Every structure is written in C-alpha cells, then in structure tokens.
Amino acid sequence: VLGMIASSLSDQEAREFTAHLPDWLDYDTLRGHQENTRT
C-alpha cells in the first residue's frame, strides 16, 4: 500500500514521505528498487 503511494510522488517527495515512516518502510524498500515508477 505505502509503496503505491510512494510511487505516486516525485523522487524527492517520496524520500520526504518515507523519512517519516518507521525505519523498515524506508525509501529503498518502498520505491528505491523500482525501475519504472508509475502512478
């Protein structure tokens, strides 16, 4: 669920969003490894 939201944000916005989530829900986990992010 949170990965779909992170992918709907710009890269910087996704970084800011994930910075406020628990550590196990970091940027790399939710979005960083996606080759093609899509809204």
Full PDB file with SEQRES, HELIX, SHEET, SSBOND, CRYST1, ORIGX, SCALE, CONECT and MASTER records, all heavy atoms in Angstrom:
SEQRES   1 A   39  VAL LEU GLY MET ILE ALA SER SER LEU SER ASP GLN GLU          
SEQRES   2 A   39  ALA ARG GLU PHE THR ALA HIS LEU PRO ASP TRP LEU ASP          
SEQRES   3 A   39  TYR ASP THR LEU ARG GLY HIS GLN GLU ASN THR ARG THR          
HELIX    1 AA1 LEU A    2  SER A    7  1                                   6    
HELIX    2 AA2 ASP A   11  ALA A   19  1                                   9    
HELIX    3 AA3 ASP A   23  LEU A   25  5                                   3    
HELIX    4 AA4 TYR A   27  TYR A   27  1                                   1    
HELIX    5 AA5 ASP A   28  GLY A   32  3                                   5    
CRYST1    1.000    1.000    1.000  90.00  90.00  90.00 P 1           1          
ORIGX1      1.000000  0.000000  0.000000        0.00000                         
ORIGX2      0.000000  1.000000  0.000000        0.00000                         
ORIGX3      0.000000  0.000000  1.000000        0.00000                         
SCALE1      1.000000  0.000000  0.000000        0.00000                         
SCALE2      0.000000  1.000000  0.000000        0.00000                         
SCALE3      0.000000  0.000000  1.000000        0.00000                         
ATOM      1  N   VAL A   1       0.833  -1.205   0.000  1.00  0.00           N  
ATOM      2  CA  VAL A   1       0.000   0.000   0.000  1.00  0.00           C  
ATOM      3  C   VAL A   1       0.865   1.251   0.000  1.00  0.00           C  
ATOM      4  O   VAL A   1       0.693   2.152  -0.830  1.00  0.00           O  
ATOM      5  CB  VAL A   1      -0.970   0.013   1.202  1.00  0.00           C  
ATOM      6  CG1 VAL A   1      -1.718   1.336   1.279  1.00  0.00           C  
ATOM      7  CG2 VAL A   1      -1.943  -1.155   1.120  1.00  0.00           C  
ATOM      8  N   LEU A   2       1.815   1.329   0.917  1.00  0.00           N  
ATOM      9  CA  LEU A   2       2.633   2.528   1.007  1.00  0.00           C  
ATOM     10  C   LEU A   2       3.576   2.667  -0.185  1.00  0.00           C  
ATOM     11  O   LEU A   2       3.919   3.775  -0.591  1.00  0.00           O  
ATOM     12  CB  LEU A   2       3.404   2.552   2.329  1.00  0.00           C  
ATOM     13  CG  LEU A   2       2.505   2.667   3.571  1.00  0.00           C  
ATOM     14  CD1 LEU A   2       3.342   2.639   4.842  1.00  0.00           C  
ATOM     15  CD2 LEU A   2       1.639   3.920   3.516  1.00  0.00           C  
ATOM     16  N   GLY A   3       3.956   1.545  -0.782  1.00  0.00           N  
ATOM     17  CA  GLY A   3       4.779   1.586  -1.986  1.00  0.00           C  
ATOM     18  C   GLY A   3       4.024   2.204  -3.154  1.00  0.00           C  
ATOM     19  O   GLY A   3       4.599   2.955  -3.949  1.00  0.00           O  
ATOM     20  N   MET A   4       2.738   1.907  -3.261  1.00  0.00           N  
ATOM     21  CA  MET A   4       1.936   2.518  -4.323  1.00  0.00           C  
ATOM     22  C   MET A   4       1.845   4.027  -4.130  1.00  0.00           C  
ATOM     23  O   MET A   4       1.890   4.793  -5.094  1.00  0.00           O  
ATOM     24  CB  MET A   4       0.543   1.889  -4.368  1.00  0.00           C  
ATOM     25  CG  MET A   4       0.538   0.491  -4.947  1.00  0.00           C  
ATOM     26  SD  MET A   4      -1.123  -0.196  -5.082  1.00  0.00           S  
ATOM     27  CE  MET A   4      -1.230  -1.139  -3.553  1.00  0.00           C  
ATOM     28  N   ILE A   5       1.743   4.443  -2.879  1.00  0.00           N  
ATOM     29  CA  ILE A   5       1.684   5.883  -2.603  1.00  0.00           C  
ATOM     30  C   ILE A   5       3.034   6.530  -2.898  1.00  0.00           C  
ATOM     31  O   ILE A   5       3.105   7.561  -3.565  1.00  0.00           O  
ATOM     32  CB  ILE A   5       1.245   6.136  -1.147  1.00  0.00           C  
ATOM     33  CG1 ILE A   5      -0.206   5.682  -0.975  1.00  0.00           C  
ATOM     34  CG2 ILE A   5       1.406   7.615  -0.780  1.00  0.00           C  
ATOM     35  CD1 ILE A   5      -0.670   5.611   0.453  1.00  0.00           C  
ATOM     36  N   ALA A   6       4.115   5.920  -2.429  1.00  0.00           N  
ATOM     37  CA  ALA A   6       5.455   6.470  -2.666  1.00  0.00           C  
ATOM     38  C   ALA A   6       5.739   6.589  -4.163  1.00  0.00           C  
ATOM     39  O   ALA A   6       6.383   7.543  -4.606  1.00  0.00           O  
ATOM     40  CB  ALA A   6       6.510   5.605  -1.979  1.00  0.00           C  
ATOM     41  N   SER A   7       5.242   5.646  -4.942  1.00  0.00           N  
ATOM     42  CA  SER A   7       5.453   5.678  -6.387  1.00  0.00           C  
ATOM     43  C   SER A   7       4.624   6.755  -7.067  1.00  0.00           C  
ATOM     44  O   SER A   7       4.889   7.114  -8.210  1.00  0.00           O  
ATOM     45  CB  SER A   7       5.127   4.316  -7.005  1.00  0.00           C  
ATOM     46  OG  SER A   7       6.060   3.369  -6.566  1.00  0.00           O  
ATOM     47  N   SER A   8       3.638   7.265  -6.362  1.00  0.00           N  
ATOM     48  CA  SER A   8       2.795   8.318  -6.915  1.00  0.00           C  
ATOM     49  C   SER A   8       3.356   9.705  -6.636  1.00  0.00           C  
ATOM     50  O   SER A   8       2.782  10.708  -7.057  1.00  0.00           O  
ATOM     51  CB  SER A   8       1.379   8.213  -6.340  1.00  0.00           C  
ATOM     52  OG  SER A   8       0.795   6.987  -6.726  1.00  0.00           O  
ATOM     53  N   LEU A   9       4.470   9.750  -5.936  1.00  0.00           N  
ATOM     54  CA  LEU A   9       5.127  11.013  -5.596  1.00  0.00           C  
ATOM     55  C   LEU A   9       6.396  11.176  -6.422  1.00  0.00           C  
ATOM     56  O   LEU A   9       6.939  10.194  -6.927  1.00  0.00           O  
ATOM     57  CB  LEU A   9       5.496  11.019  -4.104  1.00  0.00           C  
ATOM     58  CG  LEU A   9       4.338  10.896  -3.117  1.00  0.00           C  
ATOM     59  CD1 LEU A   9       4.877  10.621  -1.710  1.00  0.00           C  
ATOM     60  CD2 LEU A   9       3.499  12.164  -3.128  1.00  0.00           C  
ATOM     61  N   SER A  10       6.885  12.402  -6.524  1.00  0.00           N  
ATOM     62  CA  SER A  10       8.180  12.604  -7.163  1.00  0.00           C  
ATOM     63  C   SER A  10       9.243  11.943  -6.293  1.00  0.00           C  
ATOM     64  O   SER A  10       8.996  11.589  -5.130  1.00  0.00           O  
ATOM     65  CB  SER A  10       8.479  14.098  -7.302  1.00  0.00           C  
ATOM     66  OG  SER A  10       8.788  14.655  -6.031  1.00  0.00           O  
ATOM     67  N   ASP A  11      10.431  11.795  -6.837  1.00  0.00           N  
ATOM     68  CA  ASP A  11      11.511  11.159  -6.095  1.00  0.00           C  
ATOM     69  C   ASP A  11      11.760  11.864  -4.759  1.00  0.00           C  
ATOM     70  O   ASP A  11      11.829  11.223  -3.711  1.00  0.00           O  
ATOM     71  CB  ASP A  11      12.784  11.139  -6.947  1.00  0.00           C  
ATOM     72  CG  ASP A  11      13.890  10.343  -6.293  1.00  0.00           C  
ATOM     73  OD1 ASP A  11      13.699   9.113  -6.118  1.00  0.00           O  
ATOM     74  OD2 ASP A  11      14.922  10.943  -5.931  1.00  0.00           O  
ATOM     75  N   GLN A  12      11.882  13.163  -4.790  1.00  0.00           N  
ATOM     76  CA  GLN A  12      12.155  13.927  -3.565  1.00  0.00           C  
ATOM     77  C   GLN A  12      10.989  13.822  -2.582  1.00  0.00           C  
ATOM     78  O   GLN A  12      11.181  13.648  -1.387  1.00  0.00           O  
ATOM     79  CB  GLN A  12      12.450  15.395  -3.889  1.00  0.00           C  
ATOM     80  CG  GLN A  12      12.826  16.226  -2.674  1.00  0.00           C  
ATOM     81  CD  GLN A  12      14.043  15.685  -1.935  1.00  0.00           C  
ATOM     82  OE1 GLN A  12      15.008  15.231  -2.540  1.00  0.00           O  
ATOM     83  NE2 GLN A  12      14.001  15.728  -0.615  1.00  0.00           N  
ATOM     84  N   GLU A  13       9.776  13.909  -3.089  1.00  0.00           N  
ATOM     85  CA  GLU A  13       8.601  13.796  -2.228  1.00  0.00           C  
ATOM     86  C   GLU A  13       8.527  12.411  -1.596  1.00  0.00           C  
ATOM     87  O   GLU A  13       8.189  12.282  -0.419  1.00  0.00           O  
ATOM     88  CB  GLU A  13       7.331  14.093  -3.018  1.00  0.00           C  
ATOM     89  CG  GLU A  13       7.230  15.541  -3.465  1.00  0.00           C  
ATOM     90  CD  GLU A  13       6.214  15.754  -4.575  1.00  0.00           C  
ATOM     91  OE1 GLU A  13       5.782  14.780  -5.216  1.00  0.00           O  
ATOM     92  OE2 GLU A  13       5.868  16.926  -4.796  1.00  0.00           O  
ATOM     93  N   ALA A  14       8.854  11.380  -2.368  1.00  0.00           N  
ATOM     94  CA  ALA A  14       8.857  10.016  -1.833  1.00  0.00           C  
ATOM     95  C   ALA A  14       9.898   9.880  -0.725  1.00  0.00           C  
ATOM     96  O   ALA A  14       9.656   9.215   0.282  1.00  0.00           O  
ATOM     97  CB  ALA A  14       9.117   9.008  -2.948  1.00  0.00           C  
ATOM     98  N   ARG A  15      11.047  10.504  -0.898  1.00  0.00           N  
ATOM     99  CA  ARG A  15      12.083  10.476   0.149  1.00  0.00           C  
ATOM    100  C   ARG A  15      11.584  11.155   1.421  1.00  0.00           C  
ATOM    101  O   ARG A  15      11.799  10.676   2.530  1.00  0.00           O  
ATOM    102  CB  ARG A  15      13.369  11.129  -0.348  1.00  0.00           C  
ATOM    103  CG  ARG A  15      14.099  10.291  -1.378  1.00  0.00           C  
ATOM    104  CD  ARG A  15      15.387  10.960  -1.852  1.00  0.00           C  
ATOM    105  NE  ARG A  15      15.981  10.206  -2.936  1.00  0.00           N  
ATOM    106  CZ  ARG A  15      16.698   9.103  -2.792  1.00  0.00           C  
ATOM    107  NH1 ARG A  15      16.905   8.620  -1.595  1.00  0.00           N  
ATOM    108  NH2 ARG A  15      17.199   8.483  -3.841  1.00  0.00           N  
ATOM    109  N   GLU A  16      10.920  12.291   1.260  1.00  0.00           N  
ATOM    110  CA  GLU A  16      10.374  13.006   2.418  1.00  0.00           C  
ATOM    111  C   GLU A  16       9.276  12.190   3.094  1.00  0.00           C  
ATOM    112  O   GLU A  16       9.211  12.116   4.321  1.00  0.00           O  
ATOM    113  CB  GLU A  16       9.852  14.373   1.987  1.00  0.00           C  
ATOM    114  CG  GLU A  16      10.946  15.330   1.573  1.00  0.00           C  
ATOM    115  CD  GLU A  16      10.396  16.626   1.002  1.00  0.00           C  
ATOM    116  OE1 GLU A  16       9.254  17.011   1.351  1.00  0.00           O  
ATOM    117  OE2 GLU A  16      11.110  17.249   0.194  1.00  0.00           O  
ATOM    118  N   PHE A  17       8.402  11.611   2.305  1.00  0.00           N  
ATOM    119  CA  PHE A  17       7.304  10.792   2.828  1.00  0.00           C  
ATOM    120  C   PHE A  17       7.853   9.628   3.654  1.00  0.00           C  
ATOM    121  O   PHE A  17       7.454   9.412   4.799  1.00  0.00           O  
ATOM    122  CB  PHE A  17       6.448  10.297   1.653  1.00  0.00           C  
ATOM    123  CG  PHE A  17       5.357   9.330   2.025  1.00  0.00           C  
ATOM    124  CD1 PHE A  17       4.249   9.742   2.762  1.00  0.00           C  
ATOM    125  CD2 PHE A  17       5.408   7.999   1.613  1.00  0.00           C  
ATOM    126  CE1 PHE A  17       3.227   8.851   3.088  1.00  0.00           C  
ATOM    127  CE2 PHE A  17       4.399   7.113   1.928  1.00  0.00           C  
ATOM    128  CZ  PHE A  17       3.303   7.538   2.669  1.00  0.00           C  
ATOM    129  N   THR A  18       8.785   8.887   3.081  1.00  0.00           N  
ATOM    130  CA  THR A  18       9.305   7.698   3.759  1.00  0.00           C  
ATOM    131  C   THR A  18      10.171   8.041   4.954  1.00  0.00           C  
ATOM    132  O   THR A  18      10.310   7.222   5.861  1.00  0.00           O  
ATOM    133  CB  THR A  18      10.077   6.792   2.776  1.00  0.00           C  
ATOM    134  OG1 THR A  18      11.142   7.538   2.176  1.00  0.00           O  
ATOM    135  CG2 THR A  18       9.158   6.249   1.690  1.00  0.00           C  
ATOM    136  N   ALA A  19      10.715   9.246   4.989  1.00  0.00           N  
ATOM    137  CA  ALA A  19      11.534   9.659   6.133  1.00  0.00           C  
ATOM    138  C   ALA A  19      10.709   9.738   7.414  1.00  0.00           C  
ATOM    139  O   ALA A  19      11.257   9.683   8.519  1.00  0.00           O  
ATOM    140  CB  ALA A  19      12.194  11.009   5.852  1.00  0.00           C  
ATOM    141  N   HIS A  20       9.406   9.827   7.275  1.00  0.00           N  
ATOM    142  CA  HIS A  20       8.526   9.953   8.439  1.00  0.00           C  
ATOM    143  C   HIS A  20       7.793   8.662   8.775  1.00  0.00           C  
ATOM    144  O   HIS A  20       6.904   8.645   9.622  1.00  0.00           O  
ATOM    145  CB  HIS A  20       7.524  11.086   8.199  1.00  0.00           C  
ATOM    146  CG  HIS A  20       8.205  12.406   8.049  1.00  0.00           C  
ATOM    147  ND1 HIS A  20       8.657  13.129   9.117  1.00  0.00           N  
ATOM    148  CD2 HIS A  20       8.571  13.082   6.937  1.00  0.00           C  
ATOM    149  CE1 HIS A  20       9.246  14.214   8.678  1.00  0.00           C  
ATOM    150  NE2 HIS A  20       9.210  14.212   7.358  1.00  0.00           N  
ATOM    151  N   LEU A  21       8.189   7.595   8.123  1.00  0.00           N  
ATOM    152  CA  LEU A  21       7.605   6.275   8.393  1.00  0.00           C  
ATOM    153  C   LEU A  21       8.584   5.461   9.230  1.00  0.00           C  
ATOM    154  O   LEU A  21       9.760   5.821   9.339  1.00  0.00           O  
ATOM    155  CB  LEU A  21       7.315   5.557   7.067  1.00  0.00           C  
ATOM    156  CG  LEU A  21       6.306   6.239   6.142  1.00  0.00           C  
ATOM    157  CD1 LEU A  21       6.231   5.506   4.808  1.00  0.00           C  
ATOM    158  CD2 LEU A  21       4.934   6.320   6.783  1.00  0.00           C  
ATOM    159  N   PRO A  22       8.146   4.368   9.821  1.00  0.00           N  
ATOM    160  CA  PRO A  22       9.071   3.508  10.571  1.00  0.00           C  
ATOM    161  C   PRO A  22      10.250   3.078   9.680  1.00  0.00           C  
ATOM    162  O   PRO A  22      10.119   2.986   8.453  1.00  0.00           O  
ATOM    163  CB  PRO A  22       8.208   2.305  10.960  1.00  0.00           C  
ATOM    164  CG  PRO A  22       6.816   2.861  11.002  1.00  0.00           C  
ATOM    165  CD  PRO A  22       6.763   3.875   9.884  1.00  0.00           C  
ATOM    166  N   ASP A  23      11.376   2.809  10.300  1.00  0.00           N  
ATOM    167  CA  ASP A  23      12.613   2.510   9.572  1.00  0.00           C  
ATOM    168  C   ASP A  23      12.467   1.392   8.548  1.00  0.00           C  
ATOM    169  O   ASP A  23      13.086   1.438   7.491  1.00  0.00           O  
ATOM    170  CB  ASP A  23      13.743   2.166  10.549  1.00  0.00           C  
ATOM    171  CG  ASP A  23      14.174   3.372  11.366  1.00  0.00           C  
ATOM    172  OD1 ASP A  23      13.891   4.518  10.956  1.00  0.00           O  
ATOM    173  OD2 ASP A  23      14.792   3.165  12.427  1.00  0.00           O  
ATOM    174  N   TRP A  24      11.665   0.377   8.822  1.00  0.00           N  
ATOM    175  CA  TRP A  24      11.524  -0.739   7.881  1.00  0.00           C  
ATOM    176  C   TRP A  24      10.718  -0.363   6.647  1.00  0.00           C  
ATOM    177  O   TRP A  24      10.646  -1.119   5.693  1.00  0.00           O  
ATOM    178  CB  TRP A  24      10.948  -1.972   8.568  1.00  0.00           C  
ATOM    179  CG  TRP A  24       9.551  -1.832   9.124  1.00  0.00           C  
ATOM    180  CD1 TRP A  24       9.187  -1.270  10.308  1.00  0.00           C  
ATOM    181  CD2 TRP A  24       8.338  -2.273   8.510  1.00  0.00           C  
ATOM    182  NE1 TRP A  24       7.820  -1.334  10.469  1.00  0.00           N  
ATOM    183  CE2 TRP A  24       7.274  -1.950   9.380  1.00  0.00           C  
ATOM    184  CE3 TRP A  24       8.055  -2.924   7.312  1.00  0.00           C  
ATOM    185  CZ2 TRP A  24       5.958  -2.235   9.098  1.00  0.00           C  
ATOM    186  CZ3 TRP A  24       6.719  -3.216   7.026  1.00  0.00           C  
ATOM    187  CH2 TRP A  24       5.684  -2.867   7.912  1.00  0.00           C  
ATOM    188  N   LEU A  25      10.159   0.834   6.645  1.00  0.00           N  
ATOM    189  CA  LEU A  25       9.411   1.351   5.496  1.00  0.00           C  
ATOM    190  C   LEU A  25      10.169   2.511   4.859  1.00  0.00           C  
ATOM    191  O   LEU A  25       9.611   3.555   4.567  1.00  0.00           O  
ATOM    192  CB  LEU A  25       8.012   1.789   5.941  1.00  0.00           C  
ATOM    193  CG  LEU A  25       7.126   0.681   6.479  1.00  0.00           C  
ATOM    194  CD1 LEU A  25       5.899   1.248   7.180  1.00  0.00           C  
ATOM    195  CD2 LEU A  25       6.737  -0.269   5.368  1.00  0.00           C  
ATOM    196  N   ASP A  26      11.452   2.311   4.645  1.00  0.00           N  
ATOM    197  CA  ASP A  26      12.290   3.376   4.104  1.00  0.00           C  
ATOM    198  C   ASP A  26      12.127   3.517   2.593  1.00  0.00           C  
ATOM    199  O   ASP A  26      11.448   2.730   1.939  1.00  0.00           O  
ATOM    200  CB  ASP A  26      13.758   3.158   4.479  1.00  0.00           C  
ATOM    201  CG  ASP A  26      14.338   1.879   3.896  1.00  0.00           C  
ATOM    202  OD1 ASP A  26      13.670   1.192   3.116  1.00  0.00           O  
ATOM    203  OD2 ASP A  26      15.495   1.575   4.239  1.00  0.00           O  
ATOM    204  N   TYR A  27      12.762   4.522   2.050  1.00  0.00           N  
ATOM    205  CA  TYR A  27      12.670   4.820   0.626  1.00  0.00           C  
ATOM    206  C   TYR A  27      13.071   3.627  -0.238  1.00  0.00           C  
ATOM    207  O   TYR A  27      12.371   3.278  -1.182  1.00  0.00           O  
ATOM    208  CB  TYR A  27      13.540   6.039   0.301  1.00  0.00           C  
ATOM    209  CG  TYR A  27      13.618   6.347  -1.167  1.00  0.00           C  
ATOM    210  CD1 TYR A  27      12.658   7.141  -1.774  1.00  0.00           C  
ATOM    211  CD2 TYR A  27      14.649   5.846  -1.950  1.00  0.00           C  
ATOM    212  CE1 TYR A  27      12.707   7.416  -3.133  1.00  0.00           C  
ATOM    213  CE2 TYR A  27      14.710   6.114  -3.303  1.00  0.00           C  
ATOM    214  CZ  TYR A  27      13.747   6.904  -3.889  1.00  0.00           C  
ATOM    215  OH  TYR A  27      13.804   7.167  -5.235  1.00  0.00           O  
ATOM    216  N   ASP A  28      14.199   3.011   0.078  1.00  0.00           N  
ATOM    217  CA  ASP A  28      14.666   1.877  -0.732  1.00  0.00           C  
ATOM    218  C   ASP A  28      13.674   0.734  -0.722  1.00  0.00           C  
ATOM    219  O   ASP A  28      13.462   0.074  -1.740  1.00  0.00           O  
ATOM    220  CB  ASP A  28      16.029   1.382  -0.246  1.00  0.00           C  
ATOM    221  CG  ASP A  28      17.148   2.325  -0.644  1.00  0.00           C  
ATOM    222  OD1 ASP A  28      17.001   3.040  -1.654  1.00  0.00           O  
ATOM    223  OD2 ASP A  28      18.170   2.357   0.063  1.00  0.00           O  
ATOM    224  N   THR A  29      13.039   0.500   0.394  1.00  0.00           N  
ATOM    225  CA  THR A  29      12.063  -0.581   0.497  1.00  0.00           C  
ATOM    226  C   THR A  29      10.805  -0.284  -0.310  1.00  0.00           C  
ATOM    227  O   THR A  29      10.288  -1.154  -1.012  1.00  0.00           O  
ATOM    228  CB  THR A  29      11.683  -0.823   1.971  1.00  0.00           C  
ATOM    229  OG1 THR A  29      12.859  -1.167   2.692  1.00  0.00           O  
ATOM    230  CG2 THR A  29      10.641  -1.916   2.112  1.00  0.00           C  
ATOM    231  N   LEU A  30      10.314   0.941  -0.228  1.00  0.00           N  
ATOM    232  CA  LEU A  30       9.034   1.273  -0.852  1.00  0.00           C  
ATOM    233  C   LEU A  30       9.139   1.720  -2.302  1.00  0.00           C  
ATOM    234  O   LEU A  30       8.200   1.551  -3.070  1.00  0.00           O  
ATOM    235  CB  LEU A  30       8.310   2.358  -0.046  1.00  0.00           C  
ATOM    236  CG  LEU A  30       7.912   1.973   1.371  1.00  0.00           C  
ATOM    237  CD1 LEU A  30       7.181   3.126   2.034  1.00  0.00           C  
ATOM    238  CD2 LEU A  30       7.069   0.713   1.387  1.00  0.00           C  
ATOM    239  N   ARG A  31      10.292   2.268  -2.660  1.00  0.00           N  
ATOM    240  CA  ARG A  31      10.374   2.805  -4.011  1.00  0.00           C  
ATOM    241  C   ARG A  31      11.746   2.679  -4.666  1.00  0.00           C  
ATOM    242  O   ARG A  31      11.855   2.591  -5.891  1.00  0.00           O  
ATOM    243  CB  ARG A  31       9.988   4.278  -3.999  1.00  0.00           C  
ATOM    244  CG  ARG A  31      10.051   4.873  -5.383  1.00  0.00           C  
ATOM    245  CD  ARG A  31       9.629   6.291  -5.392  1.00  0.00           C  
ATOM    246  NE  ARG A  31       9.996   6.892  -6.656  1.00  0.00           N  
ATOM    247  CZ  ARG A  31       9.480   7.976  -7.122  1.00  0.00           C  
ATOM    248  NH1 ARG A  31       8.558   8.590  -6.425  1.00  0.00           N  
ATOM    249  NH2 ARG A  31       9.872   8.473  -8.259  1.00  0.00           N  
ATOM    250  N   GLY A  32      12.770   2.649  -3.907  1.00  0.00           N  
ATOM    251  CA  GLY A  32      14.117   2.769  -4.432  1.00  0.00           C  
ATOM    252  C   GLY A  32      14.542   1.737  -5.440  1.00  0.00           C  
ATOM    253  O   GLY A  32      15.364   2.008  -6.308  1.00  0.00           O  
ATOM    254  N   HIS A  33      13.995   0.535  -5.375  1.00  0.00           N  
ATOM    255  CA  HIS A  33      14.415  -0.529  -6.273  1.00  0.00           C  
ATOM    256  C   HIS A  33      13.524  -0.655  -7.506  1.00  0.00           C  
ATOM    257  O   HIS A  33      13.739  -1.535  -8.326  1.00  0.00           O  
ATOM    258  CB  HIS A  33      14.461  -1.873  -5.527  1.00  0.00           C  
ATOM    259  CG  HIS A  33      15.422  -1.851  -4.390  1.00  0.00           C  
ATOM    260  ND1 HIS A  33      16.769  -1.665  -4.548  1.00  0.00           N  
ATOM    261  CD2 HIS A  33      15.230  -1.960  -3.061  1.00  0.00           C  
ATOM    262  CE1 HIS A  33      17.369  -1.679  -3.370  1.00  0.00           C  
ATOM    263  NE2 HIS A  33      16.451  -1.847  -2.451  1.00  0.00           N  
ATOM    264  N   GLN A  34      12.561   0.209  -7.640  1.00  0.00           N  
ATOM    265  CA  GLN A  34      11.666   0.141  -8.790  1.00  0.00           C  
ATOM    266  C   GLN A  34      12.329   0.791  -9.993  1.00  0.00           C  
ATOM    267  O   GLN A  34      12.784   1.930  -9.920  1.00  0.00           O  
ATOM    268  CB  GLN A  34      10.354   0.870  -8.493  1.00  0.00           C  
ATOM    269  CG  GLN A  34       9.555   0.240  -7.392  1.00  0.00           C  
ATOM    270  CD  GLN A  34       8.301   1.040  -7.102  1.00  0.00           C  
ATOM    271  OE1 GLN A  34       7.946   1.950  -7.835  1.00  0.00           O  
ATOM    272  NE2 GLN A  34       7.623   0.699  -6.025  1.00  0.00           N  
ATOM    273  N   GLU A  35      12.384   0.075 -11.085  1.00  0.00           N  
ATOM    274  CA  GLU A  35      12.952   0.639 -12.299  1.00  0.00           C  
ATOM    275  C   GLU A  35      11.991   1.636 -12.933  1.00  0.00           C  
ATOM    276  O   GLU A  35      12.398   2.674 -13.430  1.00  0.00           O  
ATOM    277  CB  GLU A  35      13.288  -0.475 -13.290  1.00  0.00           C  
ATOM    278  CG  GLU A  35      14.474  -1.301 -12.858  1.00  0.00           C  
ATOM    279  CD  GLU A  35      14.826  -2.354 -13.887  1.00  0.00           C  
ATOM    280  OE1 GLU A  35      14.490  -2.185 -15.075  1.00  0.00           O  
ATOM    281  OE2 GLU A  35      15.444  -3.343 -13.485  1.00  0.00           O  
ATOM    282  N   ASN A  36      10.742   1.302 -12.952  1.00  0.00           N  
ATOM    283  CA  ASN A  36       9.740   2.178 -13.546  1.00  0.00           C  
ATOM    284  C   ASN A  36       8.673   2.482 -12.508  1.00  0.00           C  
ATOM    285  O   ASN A  36       7.821   1.647 -12.250  1.00  0.00           O  
ATOM    286  CB  ASN A  36       9.077   1.505 -14.759  1.00  0.00           C  
ATOM    287  CG  ASN A  36      10.063   1.207 -15.853  1.00  0.00           C  
ATOM    288  OD1 ASN A  36      10.867   2.053 -16.206  1.00  0.00           O  
ATOM    289  ND2 ASN A  36      10.020  -0.002 -16.380  1.00  0.00           N  
ATOM    290  N   THR A  37       8.755   3.670 -11.931  1.00  0.00           N  
ATOM    291  CA  THR A  37       7.694   4.043 -11.002  1.00  0.00           C  
ATOM    292  C   THR A  37       6.504   4.484 -11.837  1.00  0.00           C  
ATOM    293  O   THR A  37       6.648   5.053 -12.903  1.00  0.00           O  
ATOM    294  CB  THR A  37       8.138   5.186 -10.072  1.00  0.00           C  
ATOM    295  OG1 THR A  37       8.501   6.310 -10.861  1.00  0.00           O  
ATOM    296  CG2 THR A  37       9.289   4.764  -9.202  1.00  0.00           C  
ATOM    297  N   ARG A  38       5.354   4.162 -11.339  1.00  0.00           N  
ATOM    298  CA  ARG A  38       4.145   4.539 -12.055  1.00  0.00           C  
ATOM    299  C   ARG A  38       3.095   4.926 -11.044  1.00  0.00           C  
ATOM    300  O   ARG A  38       2.970   4.325  -9.993  1.00  0.00           O  
ATOM    301  CB  ARG A  38       3.712   3.410 -12.969  1.00  0.00           C  
ATOM    302  CG  ARG A  38       2.501   2.632 -12.587  1.00  0.00           C  
ATOM    303  CD  ARG A  38       2.197   1.593 -13.666  1.00  0.00           C  
ATOM    304  NE  ARG A  38       0.971   0.910 -13.681  1.00  0.00           N  
ATOM    305  CZ  ARG A  38      -0.224   1.284 -13.279  1.00  0.00           C  
ATOM    306  NH1 ARG A  38      -0.401   2.409 -12.728  1.00  0.00           N  
ATOM    307  NH2 ARG A  38      -1.281   0.523 -13.404  1.00  0.00           N  
ATOM    308  N   THR A  39       2.375   5.955 -11.384  1.00  0.00           N  
ATOM    309  CA  THR A  39       1.303   6.402 -10.516  1.00  0.00           C  
ATOM    310  C   THR A  39       0.172   5.382 -10.564  1.00  0.00           C  
ATOM    311  O   THR A  39      -0.275   4.984 -11.638  1.00  0.00           O  
ATOM    312  CB  THR A  39       0.796   7.782 -10.960  1.00  0.00           C  
ATOM    313  OG1 THR A  39       1.883   8.699 -10.895  1.00  0.00           O  
ATOM    314  CG2 THR A  39      -0.326   8.259 -10.075  1.00  0.00           C  
TER     315      THR A  39                                                      
MASTER        0    0    0    5    0    0    0    6  314    1    0    3          
END                                                                             
